[in-house]
C-alpha atoms as a PDB file:
ATOM      1  CA  MET A   1      -1.594 -31.443 -14.291  1.00  0.00           C
ATOM      2  CA  PRO A   2      -1.548 -27.847 -15.187  1.00  0.00           C
ATOM      3  CA  LYS A   3      -2.838 -24.887 -13.436  1.00  0.00           C
ATOM      4  CA  ARG A   4      -5.865 -23.354 -14.882  1.00  0.00           C
ATOM      5  CA  LYS A   5      -5.953 -19.716 -14.741  1.00  0.00           C
ATOM      6  CA  VAL A   6      -9.376 -18.494 -12.787  1.00  0.00           C
ATOM      7  CA  THR A   7      -9.989 -14.913 -13.251  1.00  0.00           C
ATOM      8  CA  PRO A   8     -11.196 -12.728 -10.494  1.00  0.00           C
ATOM      9  CA  GLN A   9     -14.112 -12.598 -11.746  1.00  0.00           C
ATOM     10  CA  GLN A  10     -14.936 -16.359 -11.831  1.00  0.00           C
ATOM     11  CA  ILE A  11     -13.676 -16.769  -7.934  1.00  0.00           C
ATOM     12  CA  VAL A  12     -15.948 -14.257  -6.892  1.00  0.00           C
ATOM     13  CA  ALA A  13     -18.840 -16.310  -8.649  1.00  0.00           C
ATOM     14  CA  ALA A  14     -17.720 -19.693  -7.299  1.00  0.00           C
ATOM     15  CA  LEU A  15     -17.304 -17.724  -3.937  1.00  0.00           C
ATOM     16  CA  ARG A  16     -21.112 -16.737  -4.403  1.00  0.00           C
ATOM     17  CA  ARG A  17     -22.432 -20.245  -5.061  1.00  0.00           C
ATOM     18  CA  ILE A  18     -20.509 -21.707  -1.831  1.00  0.00           C
ATOM     19  CA  GLU A  19     -21.837 -19.510   0.314  1.00  0.00           C
ATOM     20  CA  LEU A  20     -25.061 -19.832  -1.024  1.00  0.00           C
ATOM     21  CA  ALA A  21     -24.775 -23.420  -0.957  1.00  0.00           C
ATOM     22  CA  LEU A  22     -24.000 -22.959   2.844  1.00  0.00           C
ATOM     23  CA  ALA A  23     -26.810 -21.109   3.468  1.00  0.00           C
ATOM     24  CA  GLN A  24     -28.986 -23.574   2.352  1.00  0.00           C
ATOM     25  CA  GLY A  25     -27.514 -26.131   4.883  1.00  0.00           C
ATOM     26  CA  ALA A  26     -24.631 -28.247   2.620  1.00  0.00           C
ATOM     27  CA  LEU A  27     -21.730 -29.039   4.204  1.00  0.00           C
ATOM     28  CA  ALA A  28     -18.945 -26.740   3.727  1.00  0.00           C
ATOM     29  CA  ARG A  29     -16.402 -29.884   2.502  1.00  0.00           C
ATOM     30  CA  SER A  30     -19.353 -30.807  -0.390  1.00  0.00           C
ATOM     31  CA  ALA A  31     -20.498 -27.058  -0.883  1.00  0.00           C
ATOM     32  CA  ILE A  32     -16.431 -26.717  -2.019  1.00  0.00           C
ATOM     33  CA  HIS A  33     -15.625 -29.661  -3.731  1.00  0.00           C
ATOM     34  CA  SER A  34     -19.329 -29.274  -5.859  1.00  0.00           C
ATOM     35  CA  ALA A  35     -17.613 -25.824  -6.908  1.00  0.00           C
ATOM     36  CA  GLY A  36     -14.790 -27.647  -8.456  1.00  0.00           C
ATOM     37  CA  ILE A  37     -11.982 -26.687  -6.228  1.00  0.00           C
ATOM     38  CA  SER A  38     -10.098 -27.669  -3.244  1.00  0.00           C
ATOM     39  CA  SER A  39     -10.779 -26.320   0.355  1.00  0.00           C
ATOM     40  CA  ALA A  40      -7.155 -24.084   0.306  1.00  0.00           C
ATOM     41  CA  ALA A  41      -8.380 -22.823  -2.635  1.00  0.00           C
ATOM     42  CA  TYR A  42     -11.247 -21.868  -1.114  1.00  0.00           C
ATOM     43  CA  TYR A  43      -9.900 -20.192   2.066  1.00  0.00           C
ATOM     44  CA  ARG A  44      -7.359 -18.834   0.053  1.00  0.00           C
ATOM     45  CA  TRP A  45      -9.901 -17.029  -2.469  1.00  0.00           C
ATOM     46  CA  ARG A  46     -12.321 -16.268   0.463  1.00  0.00           C
ATOM     47  CA  ALA A  47      -9.234 -14.257   2.291  1.00  0.00           C
ATOM     48  CA  GLU A  48      -8.711 -12.238  -0.615  1.00  0.00           C
ATOM     49  CA  TYR A  49     -12.009 -11.990  -2.029  1.00  0.00           C
ATOM     50  CA  GLY A  50     -14.686 -12.940   0.222  1.00  0.00           C
ATOM     51  CA  GLY A  51     -17.677 -10.198   0.474  1.00  0.00           C
ATOM     52  CA  MET A  52     -16.851  -8.637  -2.681  1.00  0.00           C
ATOM     53  CA  ASN A  53     -18.694  -8.195  -5.684  1.00  0.00           C
ATOM     54  CA  ALA A  54     -17.326  -8.243  -9.734  1.00  0.00           C
ATOM     55  CA  GLY A  55     -17.468  -4.569  -9.572  1.00  0.00           C
ATOM     56  CA  GLN A  56     -15.136  -4.123  -6.875  1.00  0.00           C
ATOM     57  CA  VAL A  57     -12.827  -7.265  -7.971  1.00  0.00           C
ATOM     58  CA  GLN A  58     -12.899  -5.275 -11.721  1.00  0.00           C
ATOM     59  CA  ARG A  59     -11.814  -2.021  -9.843  1.00  0.00           C
ATOM     60  CA  ILE A  60      -9.036  -3.821  -7.893  1.00  0.00           C
ATOM     61  CA  ILE A  61      -7.605  -5.357 -11.312  1.00  0.00           C
ATOM     62  CA  GLU A  62      -7.524  -1.984 -12.900  1.00  0.00           C
ATOM     63  CA  LEU A  63      -5.502  -0.675  -9.538  1.00  0.00           C
ATOM     64  CA  LYS A  64      -3.134  -3.261  -9.803  1.00  0.00           C
ATOM     65  CA  LYS A  65      -2.593  -2.560 -13.325  1.00  0.00           C
ATOM     66  CA  GLU A  66      -2.106   1.508 -12.288  1.00  0.00           C
ATOM     67  CA  ASN A  67       0.064   0.591  -9.838  1.00  0.00           C
ATOM     68  CA  ALA A  68       2.668  -1.643 -11.930  1.00  0.00           C
ATOM     69  CA  ARG A  69       2.556   0.832 -14.617  1.00  0.00           C
ATOM     70  CA  LEU A  70       3.381   3.558 -12.282  1.00  0.00           C
ATOM     71  CA  GLN A  71       6.068   1.532 -10.339  1.00  0.00           C
ATOM     72  CA  GLU A  72       7.512   1.202 -13.722  1.00  0.00           C
ATOM     73  CA  ARG A  73       7.915   4.516 -14.846  1.00  0.00           C
ATOM     74  CA  LEU A  74       9.005   5.402 -11.271  1.00  0.00           C
ATOM     75  CA  GLU A  75      11.789   3.263 -12.122  1.00  0.00           C
ATOM     76  CA  ARG A  76      12.748   4.476 -14.909  1.00  0.00           C
ATOM     77  CA  LEU A  77      12.932   7.736 -14.034  1.00  0.00           C
ATOM     78  CA  SER A  78      14.393   7.209 -10.538  1.00  0.00           C
ATOM     79  CA  ARG A  79      17.775   5.862 -13.544  1.00  0.00           C
ATOM     80  CA  VAL A  80      17.361   9.140 -15.416  1.00  0.00           C
ATOM     81  CA  VAL A  81      17.824  11.616 -12.647  1.00  0.00           C
ATOM     82  CA  VAL A  82      21.285  13.086 -12.024  1.00  0.00           C
ATOM     83  CA  TRP A  83      21.748  14.442  -8.703  1.00  0.00           C
ATOM     84  CA  SER A  84      23.824  17.494  -8.701  1.00  0.00           C
ATOM     85  CA  PRO A  85      27.164  17.678  -7.003  1.00  0.00           C
ATOM     86  CA  LYS A  86      27.258  20.208  -3.460  1.00  0.00           C
ATOM     87  CA  ILE A  87      28.295  23.725  -4.696  1.00  0.00           C
ATOM     88  CA  SER A  88      30.003  24.829  -1.684  1.00  0.00           C
ATOM     89  CA  ASP A  89      30.673  23.528   1.756  1.00  0.00           C
ATOM     90  CA  ALA A  90      30.689  27.664   3.115  1.00  0.00           C
ATOM     91  CA  PRO A  91      27.787  28.226   5.393  1.00  0.00           C
ATOM     92  CA  ALA A  92      24.665  30.000   3.401  1.00  0.00           C
ATOM     93  CA  ASP A  93      24.705  32.927   6.165  1.00  0.00           C
ATOM     94  CA  ASP A  94      28.472  34.551   6.647  1.00  0.00           C
ATOM     95  CA  ALA A  95      26.763  36.640   9.735  1.00  0.00           C
ATOM     96  CA  ALA A  96      26.180  33.007  11.970  1.00  0.00           C
ATOM     97  CA  GLY A  97      29.660  33.196  13.585  1.00  0.00           C
ATOM     98  CA  PRO A  98      32.064  30.455  14.813  1.00  0.00           C
ATOM     99  CA  PRO A  99      30.075  27.281  15.541  1.00  0.00           C
ATOM    100  CA  GLY A 100      28.955  26.979  18.497  1.00  0.00           C
ATOM    101  CA  SER A 101      27.932  30.570  18.716  1.00  0.00           C
ATOM    102  CA  ALA A 102      24.949  32.071  20.170  1.00  0.00           C
ATOM    103  CA  ALA A 103      23.878  32.858  17.075  1.00  0.00           C
ATOM    104  CA  GLU A 104      23.612  28.870  16.380  1.00  0.00           C
ATOM    105  CA  GLN A 105      21.995  27.521  19.327  1.00  0.00           C
ATOM    106  CA  PRO A 106      18.192  27.358  19.508  1.00  0.00           C
ATOM    107  CA  PRO A 107      16.332  29.674  21.601  1.00  0.00           C
ATOM    108  CA  SER A 108      15.676  28.644  25.164  1.00  0.00           C
ATOM    109  CA  ARG A 109      12.320  28.179  26.752  1.00  0.00           C
ATOM    110  CA  ARG A 110      12.093  31.488  28.366  1.00  0.00           C
ATOM    111  CA  ASP A 111      12.496  32.719  24.997  1.00  0.00           C
ATOM    112  CA  ALA A 112       9.682  30.443  23.125  1.00  0.00           C
ATOM    113  CA  PRO A 113       7.230  32.740  21.195  1.00  0.00           C
ATOM    114  CA  GLY A 114       4.066  33.090  22.751  1.00  0.00           C
ATOM    115  CA  LYS A 115       4.805  32.320  26.321  1.00  0.00           C
ATOM    116  CA  PRO A 116       4.883  35.004  29.116  1.00  0.00           C
ATOM    117  CA  ALA A 117       8.734  35.269  30.922  1.00  0.00           C
ATOM    118  CA  LYS A 118       8.401  34.363  34.578  1.00  0.00           C
ATOM    119  CA  PRO A 119       9.701  36.701  36.851  1.00  0.00           C
END
């Protein structure tokens, strides 16, 4: 038996009908099966769509479509981008001195700005 395609709006409507039946005192199993779905489908749908209304579900659908579109665009752009090779291995500042010199070392705690020096 092929699966039937159920829209998110139909899922929200079915969840609402089941919640109303449960509020009126019906047993969970009978309320779920009277909606024509399995218990597993009900709990899966409730985890994903529980507490939403039709407007919120529509917004989620739009966001998923936009996300897919942006991911495709990012993938296309990442294939187009060409990384430029490194121009030079020379340091940007020639006055820095040899490696390990005082000019390359970070300032000590005493030299930190905004802190008074200890006598």
